């Protein structure tokens, strides 16, 4: 899982990131003037990297899919 500093560094180079739930459901976050969440039948905005890191920690989101079979 990434923390605030890692997200800030990542978004300096990229405009979006795909994270995965424990069930390998992809969730896309894109950088605009804010972070935009899109996935799992929901769409909403996240204020900054700190809020994004907290959200990922609470929801158990990871950078790569798990090896669930």
PDB file of N, CA and C in Angstrom:
ATOM      1  N   UNK A   1       0.838  -1.169   0.000  1.00  0.00           N
ATOM      2  CA  UNK A   1       0.000   0.000   0.000  1.00  0.00           C
ATOM      3  C   UNK A   1       0.890   1.241   0.000  1.00  0.00           C
ATOM      4  N   UNK A   2       0.418   2.300  -0.627  1.00  0.00           N
ATOM      5  CA  UNK A   2       1.217   3.519  -0.740  1.00  0.00           C
ATOM      6  C   UNK A   2       0.797   4.528   0.326  1.00  0.00           C
ATOM      7  N   UNK A   3       1.734   5.399   0.708  1.00  0.00           N
ATOM      8  CA  UNK A   3       1.410   6.465   1.642  1.00  0.00           C
ATOM      9  C   UNK A   3       1.344   7.797   0.887  1.00  0.00           C
ATOM     10  N   UNK A   4       1.106   8.872   1.610  1.00  0.00           N
ATOM     11  CA  UNK A   4       0.926  10.198   1.006  1.00  0.00           C
ATOM     12  C   UNK A   4       2.115  10.596   0.138  1.00  0.00           C
ATOM     13  N   UNK A   5       3.329  10.427   0.643  1.00  0.00           N
ATOM     14  CA  UNK A   5       4.525  10.843  -0.089  1.00  0.00           C
ATOM     15  C   UNK A   5       4.695  10.051  -1.384  1.00  0.00           C
ATOM     16  N   UNK A   6       4.414   8.763  -1.330  1.00  0.00           N
ATOM     17  CA  UNK A   6       4.534   7.930  -2.529  1.00  0.00           C
ATOM     18  C   UNK A   6       3.501   8.322  -3.584  1.00  0.00           C
ATOM     19  N   UNK A   7       2.272   8.649  -3.141  1.00  0.00           N
ATOM     20  CA  UNK A   7       1.255   9.109  -4.087  1.00  0.00           C
ATOM     21  C   UNK A   7       1.661  10.440  -4.719  1.00  0.00           C
ATOM     22  N   UNK A   8       2.187  11.366  -3.910  1.00  0.00           N
ATOM     23  CA  UNK A   8       2.617  12.662  -4.451  1.00  0.00           C
ATOM     24  C   UNK A   8       3.709  12.474  -5.501  1.00  0.00           C
ATOM     25  N   UNK A   9       4.673  11.621  -5.218  1.00  0.00           N
ATOM     26  CA  UNK A   9       5.758  11.351  -6.163  1.00  0.00           C
ATOM     27  C   UNK A   9       5.210  10.702  -7.436  1.00  0.00           C
ATOM     28  N   UNK A  10       4.307   9.749  -7.297  1.00  0.00           N
ATOM     29  CA  UNK A  10       3.728   9.055  -8.447  1.00  0.00           C
ATOM     30  C   UNK A  10       2.959  10.027  -9.342  1.00  0.00           C
ATOM     31  N   UNK A  11       2.127  10.884  -8.734  1.00  0.00           N
ATOM     32  CA  UNK A  11       1.284  11.782  -9.519  1.00  0.00           C
ATOM     33  C   UNK A  11       2.047  12.965 -10.114  1.00  0.00           C
ATOM     34  N   UNK A  12       3.293  13.161  -9.745  1.00  0.00           N
ATOM     35  CA  UNK A  12       4.119  14.152 -10.438  1.00  0.00           C
ATOM     36  C   UNK A  12       4.485  13.648 -11.828  1.00  0.00           C
ATOM     37  N   UNK A  13       4.495  12.326 -12.003  1.00  0.00           N
ATOM     38  CA  UNK A  13       4.881  11.721 -13.279  1.00  0.00           C
ATOM     39  C   UNK A  13       3.700  11.180 -14.083  1.00  0.00           C
ATOM     40  N   UNK A  14       2.597  10.843 -13.412  1.00  0.00           N
ATOM     41  CA  UNK A  14       1.468  10.189 -14.071  1.00  0.00           C
ATOM     42  C   UNK A  14       0.168  10.920 -13.764  1.00  0.00           C
ATOM     43  N   UNK A  15      -0.834  10.743 -14.634  1.00  0.00           N
ATOM     44  CA  UNK A  15      -2.132  11.381 -14.439  1.00  0.00           C
ATOM     45  C   UNK A  15      -3.182  10.460 -13.844  1.00  0.00           C
ATOM     46  N   UNK A  16      -2.934   9.157 -13.848  1.00  0.00           N
ATOM     47  CA  UNK A  16      -3.898   8.244 -13.236  1.00  0.00           C
ATOM     48  C   UNK A  16      -3.192   7.009 -12.700  1.00  0.00           C
ATOM     49  N   UNK A  17      -3.877   6.335 -11.785  1.00  0.00           N
ATOM     50  CA  UNK A  17      -3.358   5.110 -11.194  1.00  0.00           C
ATOM     51  C   UNK A  17      -4.519   4.128 -11.055  1.00  0.00           C
ATOM     52  N   UNK A  18      -4.236   2.869 -11.280  1.00  0.00           N
ATOM     53  CA  UNK A  18      -5.235   1.822 -11.092  1.00  0.00           C
ATOM     54  C   UNK A  18      -4.831   1.019  -9.865  1.00  0.00           C
ATOM     55  N   UNK A  19      -5.738   0.936  -8.895  1.00  0.00           N
ATOM     56  CA  UNK A  19      -5.523   0.148  -7.692  1.00  0.00           C
ATOM     57  C   UNK A  19      -6.520  -1.003  -7.701  1.00  0.00           C
ATOM     58  N   UNK A  20      -6.244  -2.035  -6.925  1.00  0.00           N
ATOM     59  CA  UNK A  20      -7.075  -3.232  -6.940  1.00  0.00           C
ATOM     60  C   UNK A  20      -7.561  -3.578  -5.540  1.00  0.00           C
ATOM     61  N   UNK A  21      -8.814  -4.008  -5.456  1.00  0.00           N
ATOM     62  CA  UNK A  21      -9.356  -4.489  -4.195  1.00  0.00           C
ATOM     63  C   UNK A  21      -8.823  -5.896  -3.947  1.00  0.00           C
ATOM     64  N   UNK A  22      -9.164  -6.451  -2.789  1.00  0.00           N
ATOM     65  CA  UNK A  22      -8.732  -7.813  -2.471  1.00  0.00           C
ATOM     66  C   UNK A  22      -9.321  -8.828  -3.444  1.00  0.00           C
ATOM     67  N   UNK A  23     -10.450  -8.474  -4.065  1.00  0.00           N
ATOM     68  CA  UNK A  23     -11.106  -9.353  -5.039  1.00  0.00           C
ATOM     69  C   UNK A  23     -10.678  -9.057  -6.467  1.00  0.00           C
ATOM     70  N   UNK A  24      -9.599  -8.292  -6.634  1.00  0.00           N
ATOM     71  CA  UNK A  24      -9.039  -7.933  -7.945  1.00  0.00           C
ATOM     72  C   UNK A  24      -9.957  -7.064  -8.795  1.00  0.00           C
ATOM     73  N   UNK A  25     -10.770  -6.247  -8.157  1.00  0.00           N
ATOM     74  CA  UNK A  25     -11.602  -5.295  -8.887  1.00  0.00           C
ATOM     75  C   UNK A  25     -10.769  -4.039  -9.109  1.00  0.00           C
ATOM     76  N   UNK A  26     -10.566  -3.627 -10.371  1.00  0.00           N
ATOM     77  CA  UNK A  26      -9.757  -2.434 -10.634  1.00  0.00           C
ATOM     78  C   UNK A  26     -10.528  -1.157 -10.315  1.00  0.00           C
ATOM     79  N   UNK A  27      -9.845  -0.222  -9.676  1.00  0.00           N
ATOM     80  CA  UNK A  27     -10.406   1.085  -9.353  1.00  0.00           C
ATOM     81  C   UNK A  27      -9.429   2.130  -9.858  1.00  0.00           C
ATOM     82  N   UNK A  28      -9.923   3.060 -10.667  1.00  0.00           N
ATOM     83  CA  UNK A  28      -9.070   4.067 -11.292  1.00  0.00           C
ATOM     84  C   UNK A  28      -9.197   5.400 -10.573  1.00  0.00           C
ATOM     85  N   UNK A  29      -8.052   5.997 -10.250  1.00  0.00           N
ATOM     86  CA  UNK A  29      -7.995   7.344  -9.702  1.00  0.00           C
ATOM     87  C   UNK A  29      -7.281   8.205 -10.732  1.00  0.00           C
ATOM     88  N   UNK A  30      -7.891   9.321 -11.108  1.00  0.00           N
ATOM     89  CA  UNK A  30      -7.258  10.213 -12.073  1.00  0.00           C
ATOM     90  C   UNK A  30      -7.005  11.565 -11.427  1.00  0.00           C
ATOM     91  N   UNK A  31      -5.938  12.217 -11.878  1.00  0.00           N
ATOM     92  CA  UNK A  31      -5.555  13.520 -11.333  1.00  0.00           C
ATOM     93  C   UNK A  31      -6.106  14.601 -12.247  1.00  0.00           C
ATOM     94  N   UNK A  32      -6.915  15.472 -11.679  1.00  0.00           N
ATOM     95  CA  UNK A  32      -7.392  16.648 -12.393  1.00  0.00           C
ATOM     96  C   UNK A  32      -6.977  17.818 -11.508  1.00  0.00           C
ATOM     97  N   UNK A  33      -7.895  18.646 -11.101  1.00  0.00           N
ATOM     98  CA  UNK A  33      -7.589  19.649 -10.076  1.00  0.00           C
ATOM     99  C   UNK A  33      -7.743  19.011  -8.705  1.00  0.00           C
ATOM    100  N   UNK A  34      -8.210  17.794  -8.707  1.00  0.00           N
ATOM    101  CA  UNK A  34      -8.441  16.977  -7.526  1.00  0.00           C
ATOM    102  C   UNK A  34      -8.298  15.524  -7.995  1.00  0.00           C
ATOM    103  N   UNK A  35      -8.433  14.583  -7.122  1.00  0.00           N
ATOM    104  CA  UNK A  35      -8.410  13.171  -7.511  1.00  0.00           C
ATOM    105  C   UNK A  35      -9.836  12.707  -7.716  1.00  0.00           C
ATOM    106  N   UNK A  36     -10.048  11.951  -8.773  1.00  0.00           N
ATOM    107  CA  UNK A  36     -11.386  11.473  -9.101  1.00  0.00           C
ATOM    108  C   UNK A  36     -11.409   9.955  -9.008  1.00  0.00           C
ATOM    109  N   UNK A  37     -12.333   9.441  -8.216  1.00  0.00           N
ATOM    110  CA  UNK A  37     -12.516   8.004  -8.021  1.00  0.00           C
ATOM    111  C   UNK A  37     -13.576   7.501  -8.982  1.00  0.00           C
ATOM    112  N   UNK A  38     -13.278   6.401  -9.656  1.00  0.00           N
ATOM    113  CA  UNK A  38     -14.247   5.801 -10.564  1.00  0.00           C
ATOM    114  C   UNK A  38     -14.115   4.290 -10.488  1.00  0.00           C
ATOM    115  N   UNK A  39     -15.149   3.633 -10.014  1.00  0.00           N
ATOM    116  CA  UNK A  39     -15.117   2.175  -9.931  1.00  0.00           C
ATOM    117  C   UNK A  39     -16.133   1.646  -8.951  1.00  0.00           C
ATOM    118  N   UNK A  40     -16.537   0.406  -9.136  1.00  0.00           N
ATOM    119  CA  UNK A  40     -17.488  -0.216  -8.222  1.00  0.00           C
ATOM    120  C   UNK A  40     -18.827   0.485  -8.187  1.00  0.00           C
ATOM    121  N   UNK A  41     -19.267   1.011  -9.319  1.00  0.00           N
ATOM    122  CA  UNK A  41     -20.546   1.716  -9.457  1.00  0.00           C
ATOM    123  C   UNK A  41     -20.578   3.042  -8.700  1.00  0.00           C
ATOM    124  N   UNK A  42     -19.412   3.610  -8.378  1.00  0.00           N
ATOM    125  CA  UNK A  42     -19.339   4.888  -7.677  1.00  0.00           C
ATOM    126  C   UNK A  42     -18.398   5.823  -8.414  1.00  0.00           C
ATOM    127  N   UNK A  43     -18.654   7.112  -8.283  1.00  0.00           N
ATOM    128  CA  UNK A  43     -17.740   8.143  -8.763  1.00  0.00           C
ATOM    129  C   UNK A  43     -17.792   9.295  -7.772  1.00  0.00           C
ATOM    130  N   UNK A  44     -16.617   9.721  -7.291  1.00  0.00           N
ATOM    131  CA  UNK A  44     -16.554  10.879  -6.409  1.00  0.00           C
ATOM    132  C   UNK A  44     -15.144  11.446  -6.415  1.00  0.00           C
ATOM    133  N   UNK A  45     -14.970  12.592  -5.770  1.00  0.00           N
ATOM    134  CA  UNK A  45     -13.690  13.291  -5.755  1.00  0.00           C
ATOM    135  C   UNK A  45     -13.008  13.139  -4.400  1.00  0.00           C
ATOM    136  N   UNK A  46     -11.667  13.130  -4.433  1.00  0.00           N
ATOM    137  CA  UNK A  46     -10.839  13.053  -3.231  1.00  0.00           C
ATOM    138  C   UNK A  46      -9.928  14.275  -3.236  1.00  0.00           C
ATOM    139  N   UNK A  47      -9.791  14.929  -2.099  1.00  0.00           N
ATOM    140  CA  UNK A  47      -9.134  16.233  -2.027  1.00  0.00           C
ATOM    141  C   UNK A  47      -7.635  16.205  -2.332  1.00  0.00           C
ATOM    142  N   UNK A  48      -6.871  15.293  -1.715  1.00  0.00           N
ATOM    143  CA  UNK A  48      -5.419  15.327  -1.872  1.00  0.00           C
ATOM    144  C   UNK A  48      -4.810  13.943  -1.647  1.00  0.00           C
ATOM    145  N   UNK A  49      -3.491  13.862  -1.726  1.00  0.00           N
ATOM    146  CA  UNK A  49      -2.786  12.573  -1.596  1.00  0.00           C
ATOM    147  C   UNK A  49      -2.962  11.964  -0.210  1.00  0.00           C
ATOM    148  N   UNK A  50      -3.046  12.798   0.800  1.00  0.00           N
ATOM    149  CA  UNK A  50      -3.242  12.282   2.153  1.00  0.00           C
ATOM    150  C   UNK A  50      -4.597  11.585   2.268  1.00  0.00           C
ATOM    151  N   UNK A  51      -5.649  12.218   1.736  1.00  0.00           N
ATOM    152  CA  UNK A  51      -6.972  11.594   1.742  1.00  0.00           C
ATOM    153  C   UNK A  51      -6.990  10.325   0.894  1.00  0.00           C
ATOM    154  N   UNK A  52      -6.270  10.329  -0.227  1.00  0.00           N
ATOM    155  CA  UNK A  52      -6.196   9.145  -1.082  1.00  0.00           C
ATOM    156  C   UNK A  52      -5.510   7.992  -0.350  1.00  0.00           C
ATOM    157  N   UNK A  53      -4.417   8.276   0.349  1.00  0.00           N
ATOM    158  CA  UNK A  53      -3.710   7.241   1.110  1.00  0.00           C
ATOM    159  C   UNK A  53      -4.598   6.680   2.222  1.00  0.00           C
ATOM    160  N   UNK A  54      -5.325   7.552   2.924  1.00  0.00           N
ATOM    161  CA  UNK A  54      -6.242   7.099   3.973  1.00  0.00           C
ATOM    162  C   UNK A  54      -7.350   6.225   3.396  1.00  0.00           C
ATOM    163  N   UNK A  55      -7.905   6.642   2.255  1.00  0.00           N
ATOM    164  CA  UNK A  55      -8.969   5.886   1.598  1.00  0.00           C
ATOM    165  C   UNK A  55      -8.473   4.488   1.225  1.00  0.00           C
ATOM    166  N   UNK A  56      -7.276   4.402   0.643  1.00  0.00           N
ATOM    167  CA  UNK A  56      -6.717   3.111   0.230  1.00  0.00           C
ATOM    168  C   UNK A  56      -6.471   2.206   1.427  1.00  0.00           C
ATOM    169  N   UNK A  57      -6.000   2.787   2.521  1.00  0.00           N
ATOM    170  CA  UNK A  57      -5.736   2.002   3.725  1.00  0.00           C
ATOM    171  C   UNK A  57      -7.041   1.453   4.302  1.00  0.00           C
ATOM    172  N   UNK A  58      -8.079   2.299   4.361  1.00  0.00           N
ATOM    173  CA  UNK A  58      -9.366   1.869   4.912  1.00  0.00           C
ATOM    174  C   UNK A  58     -10.040   0.817   4.041  1.00  0.00           C
ATOM    175  N   UNK A  59      -9.891   0.936   2.723  1.00  0.00           N
ATOM    176  CA  UNK A  59     -10.572   0.023   1.793  1.00  0.00           C
ATOM    177  C   UNK A  59      -9.708  -1.165   1.375  1.00  0.00           C
ATOM    178  N   UNK A  60      -8.436  -1.184   1.795  1.00  0.00           N
ATOM    179  CA  UNK A  60      -7.557  -2.302   1.451  1.00  0.00           C
ATOM    180  C   UNK A  60      -7.234  -2.369  -0.027  1.00  0.00           C
ATOM    181  N   UNK A  61      -6.877  -1.225  -0.638  1.00  0.00           N
ATOM    182  CA  UNK A  61      -6.559  -1.177  -2.062  1.00  0.00           C
ATOM    183  C   UNK A  61      -5.064  -1.352  -2.279  1.00  0.00           C
ATOM    184  N   UNK A  62      -4.702  -2.067  -3.343  1.00  0.00           N
ATOM    185  CA  UNK A  62      -3.308  -2.382  -3.642  1.00  0.00           C
ATOM    186  C   UNK A  62      -2.961  -2.000  -5.071  1.00  0.00           C
ATOM    187  N   UNK A  63      -1.674  -1.881  -5.362  1.00  0.00           N
ATOM    188  CA  UNK A  63      -1.215  -1.499  -6.696  1.00  0.00           C
ATOM    189  C   UNK A  63      -1.347  -2.619  -7.715  1.00  0.00           C
ATOM    190  N   UNK A  64      -1.301  -3.860  -7.267  1.00  0.00           N
ATOM    191  CA  UNK A  64      -1.355  -5.000  -8.188  1.00  0.00           C
ATOM    192  C   UNK A  64      -2.437  -5.967  -7.730  1.00  0.00           C
ATOM    193  N   UNK A  65      -3.035  -6.684  -8.672  1.00  0.00           N
ATOM    194  CA  UNK A  65      -4.058  -7.662  -8.289  1.00  0.00           C
ATOM    195  C   UNK A  65      -3.463  -8.799  -7.461  1.00  0.00           C
ATOM    196  N   UNK A  66      -4.296  -9.384  -6.610  1.00  0.00           N
ATOM    197  CA  UNK A  66      -3.889 -10.556  -5.830  1.00  0.00           C
ATOM    198  C   UNK A  66      -3.971 -11.793  -6.703  1.00  0.00           C
ATOM    199  N   UNK A  67      -3.353 -12.839  -6.264  1.00  0.00           N
ATOM    200  CA  UNK A  67      -3.416 -14.112  -6.985  1.00  0.00           C
ATOM    201  C   UNK A  67      -4.580 -14.944  -6.460  1.00  0.00           C
ATOM    202  N   UNK A  68      -5.788 -14.422  -6.589  1.00  0.00           N
ATOM    203  CA  UNK A  68      -6.994 -15.118  -6.150  1.00  0.00           C
ATOM    204  C   UNK A  68      -7.433 -16.060  -7.252  1.00  0.00           C
ATOM    205  N   UNK A  69      -7.723 -17.297  -6.885  1.00  0.00           N
ATOM    206  CA  UNK A  69      -8.148 -18.264  -7.902  1.00  0.00           C
ATOM    207  C   UNK A  69      -9.410 -18.950  -7.515  1.00  0.00           C
TER     208      UNK A  69
END
